[in-house]
Structure formats: C-alpha cells, structure tokens
Amino acid sequence: HILVDGEPAAGCLVDFGLYFFHNQAQFRSTQGGGFGPFFYLPKMEHSREAKIWNCAFE
C-alpha cells in the first residue's frame, strides 16, 4: 500500500510510475534520445480518466 499525502494511491498510477522509474534509463540507452515508451490505455470510460493520464504523462 502506497500513500500520497495520507491517501491511498491509485494502483494504475503506481504501476506506471514504478515501470517508468525502473525502465527509462535502459530504454534511452537502447533507443536514443527523442524516443519514448508508448502506453496503451484500454477501456477508458470517461474524459476525466484521460485527463488524469494526460497529467501523469506530462
């Protein structure tokens, strides 16, 4: 369980953060600058979900 400001963090955002943190250096070393990982986000049901992910990616 991970808390952010005393509140439970959303599992999908924790997974994204951990994946990015642990893999970004390897990705950059093999793919070079200007490239990034691509993430498929299936089954979004509301524009608010897209807004949350947009904030996470920025």
N, C-alpha and C. Protein backbone atom coordinates (compact mmCIF):
# COMPACT_ATOMS: atom_id res chain seq x y z
N HIS A 1 0.84 -1.17 0.00
CA HIS A 1 0.00 0.00 0.00
C HIS A 1 0.88 1.23 0.00
N ILE A 2 0.59 2.12 -0.92
CA ILE A 2 1.37 3.35 -1.04
C ILE A 2 0.43 4.52 -0.78
N LEU A 3 0.85 5.41 0.09
CA LEU A 3 0.06 6.58 0.42
C LEU A 3 0.72 7.82 -0.17
N VAL A 4 -0.11 8.73 -0.68
CA VAL A 4 0.34 10.03 -1.17
C VAL A 4 -0.47 11.06 -0.41
N ASP A 5 0.20 11.89 0.35
CA ASP A 5 -0.47 12.88 1.20
C ASP A 5 -1.50 12.22 2.11
N GLY A 6 -1.17 11.02 2.60
CA GLY A 6 -2.04 10.32 3.53
C GLY A 6 -3.19 9.56 2.89
N GLU A 7 -3.31 9.61 1.56
CA GLU A 7 -4.39 8.93 0.85
C GLU A 7 -3.82 7.78 0.02
N PRO A 8 -4.56 6.69 -0.14
CA PRO A 8 -4.08 5.58 -0.97
C PRO A 8 -3.90 6.03 -2.42
N ALA A 9 -2.79 5.65 -3.02
CA ALA A 9 -2.53 5.98 -4.42
C ALA A 9 -3.24 4.99 -5.33
N ALA A 10 -3.68 5.47 -6.49
CA ALA A 10 -4.32 4.58 -7.47
C ALA A 10 -3.30 3.59 -8.00
N GLY A 11 -3.68 2.32 -8.01
CA GLY A 11 -2.77 1.25 -8.43
C GLY A 11 -2.20 1.46 -9.83
N CYS A 12 -3.03 1.92 -10.76
CA CYS A 12 -2.56 2.10 -12.14
C CYS A 12 -1.47 3.16 -12.21
N LEU A 13 -1.58 4.22 -11.41
CA LEU A 13 -0.56 5.27 -11.42
C LEU A 13 0.71 4.80 -10.72
N VAL A 14 0.57 3.99 -9.68
CA VAL A 14 1.74 3.42 -9.01
C VAL A 14 2.47 2.50 -9.98
N ASP A 15 1.74 1.64 -10.68
CA ASP A 15 2.36 0.74 -11.66
C ASP A 15 3.09 1.51 -12.74
N PHE A 16 2.46 2.55 -13.28
CA PHE A 16 3.09 3.38 -14.31
C PHE A 16 4.37 4.02 -13.78
N GLY A 17 4.29 4.61 -12.60
CA GLY A 17 5.45 5.27 -12.02
C GLY A 17 6.61 4.32 -11.78
N LEU A 18 6.32 3.15 -11.24
CA LEU A 18 7.37 2.17 -10.99
C LEU A 18 7.98 1.66 -12.29
N TYR A 19 7.13 1.38 -13.28
CA TYR A 19 7.64 0.92 -14.58
C TYR A 19 8.56 1.97 -15.20
N PHE A 20 8.09 3.20 -15.24
CA PHE A 20 8.87 4.28 -15.85
C PHE A 20 10.17 4.50 -15.10
N PHE A 21 10.11 4.54 -13.79
CA PHE A 21 11.30 4.77 -12.96
C PHE A 21 12.36 3.70 -13.20
N HIS A 22 11.95 2.46 -13.26
CA HIS A 22 12.91 1.36 -13.36
C HIS A 22 13.36 1.06 -14.79
N ASN A 23 12.67 1.59 -15.81
CA ASN A 23 13.00 1.22 -17.18
C ASN A 23 13.43 2.37 -18.08
N GLN A 24 13.28 3.61 -17.66
CA GLN A 24 13.57 4.71 -18.55
C GLN A 24 15.04 4.79 -18.94
N ALA A 25 15.96 4.52 -18.05
CA ALA A 25 17.39 4.59 -18.39
C ALA A 25 17.75 3.53 -19.43
N GLN A 26 17.25 2.33 -19.26
CA GLN A 26 17.51 1.26 -20.23
C GLN A 26 16.90 1.60 -21.58
N PHE A 27 15.72 2.13 -21.58
CA PHE A 27 15.06 2.48 -22.83
C PHE A 27 15.86 3.55 -23.56
N ARG A 28 16.28 4.59 -22.86
CA ARG A 28 17.05 5.67 -23.50
C ARG A 28 18.38 5.17 -24.04
N SER A 29 19.01 4.25 -23.34
CA SER A 29 20.32 3.77 -23.79
C SER A 29 20.20 2.89 -25.03
N THR A 30 19.08 2.23 -25.22
CA THR A 30 18.93 1.37 -26.39
C THR A 30 18.20 2.05 -27.53
N GLN A 31 17.36 3.04 -27.25
CA GLN A 31 16.56 3.69 -28.29
C GLN A 31 17.07 5.08 -28.66
N GLY A 32 17.86 5.70 -27.81
CA GLY A 32 18.37 7.03 -28.08
C GLY A 32 17.38 8.12 -27.67
N GLY A 33 17.86 9.35 -27.73
CA GLY A 33 17.02 10.48 -27.36
C GLY A 33 15.92 10.71 -28.38
N GLY A 34 14.87 11.36 -27.97
CA GLY A 34 13.78 11.66 -28.86
C GLY A 34 12.74 10.56 -28.98
N PHE A 35 12.99 9.44 -28.36
CA PHE A 35 12.05 8.33 -28.38
C PHE A 35 11.57 8.09 -26.95
N GLY A 36 10.42 7.53 -26.83
CA GLY A 36 9.92 7.21 -25.51
C GLY A 36 9.04 5.99 -25.55
N PRO A 37 8.77 5.43 -24.41
CA PRO A 37 7.87 4.28 -24.39
C PRO A 37 6.45 4.73 -24.74
N PHE A 38 5.71 3.84 -25.32
CA PHE A 38 4.32 4.11 -25.65
C PHE A 38 3.44 3.25 -24.77
N PHE A 39 2.36 3.82 -24.29
CA PHE A 39 1.47 3.12 -23.38
C PHE A 39 0.07 3.05 -23.98
N TYR A 40 -0.48 1.86 -23.98
CA TYR A 40 -1.85 1.63 -24.45
C TYR A 40 -2.77 1.65 -23.23
N LEU A 41 -3.76 2.48 -23.27
CA LEU A 41 -4.68 2.63 -22.14
C LEU A 41 -6.08 2.20 -22.57
N PRO A 42 -6.39 0.91 -22.44
CA PRO A 42 -7.68 0.41 -22.91
C PRO A 42 -8.82 0.74 -21.94
N LYS A 43 -10.00 0.75 -22.48
CA LYS A 43 -11.24 0.80 -21.71
C LYS A 43 -11.42 2.05 -20.85
N MET A 44 -10.96 3.19 -21.35
CA MET A 44 -11.27 4.42 -20.63
C MET A 44 -12.74 4.71 -20.84
N GLU A 45 -13.43 5.03 -19.76
CA GLU A 45 -14.87 5.21 -19.83
C GLU A 45 -15.31 6.66 -19.66
N HIS A 46 -14.38 7.54 -19.36
CA HIS A 46 -14.77 8.93 -19.13
C HIS A 46 -13.61 9.84 -19.48
N SER A 47 -13.94 11.05 -19.88
CA SER A 47 -12.89 12.01 -20.23
C SER A 47 -12.03 12.38 -19.02
N ARG A 48 -12.57 12.22 -17.82
CA ARG A 48 -11.77 12.51 -16.61
C ARG A 48 -10.59 11.55 -16.49
N GLU A 49 -10.79 10.29 -16.91
CA GLU A 49 -9.69 9.33 -16.88
C GLU A 49 -8.58 9.76 -17.83
N ALA A 50 -8.96 10.21 -19.02
CA ALA A 50 -7.97 10.69 -19.99
C ALA A 50 -7.22 11.90 -19.44
N LYS A 51 -7.91 12.76 -18.74
CA LYS A 51 -7.28 13.95 -18.16
C LYS A 51 -6.26 13.56 -17.09
N ILE A 52 -6.59 12.58 -16.27
CA ILE A 52 -5.66 12.10 -15.23
C ILE A 52 -4.40 11.55 -15.88
N TRP A 53 -4.57 10.71 -16.92
CA TRP A 53 -3.40 10.14 -17.59
C TRP A 53 -2.59 11.20 -18.30
N ASN A 54 -3.26 12.20 -18.88
CA ASN A 54 -2.53 13.28 -19.53
C ASN A 54 -1.65 14.01 -18.52
N CYS A 55 -2.16 14.25 -17.34
CA CYS A 55 -1.35 14.88 -16.29
C CYS A 55 -0.18 13.99 -15.88
N ALA A 56 -0.40 12.70 -15.81
CA ALA A 56 0.68 11.77 -15.44
C ALA A 56 1.78 11.77 -16.48
N PHE A 57 1.42 11.84 -17.76
CA PHE A 57 2.41 11.79 -18.82
C PHE A 57 3.17 13.10 -18.97
N GLU A 58 2.58 14.20 -18.57
CA GLU A 58 3.28 15.48 -18.66
C GLU A 58 4.26 15.58 -17.54
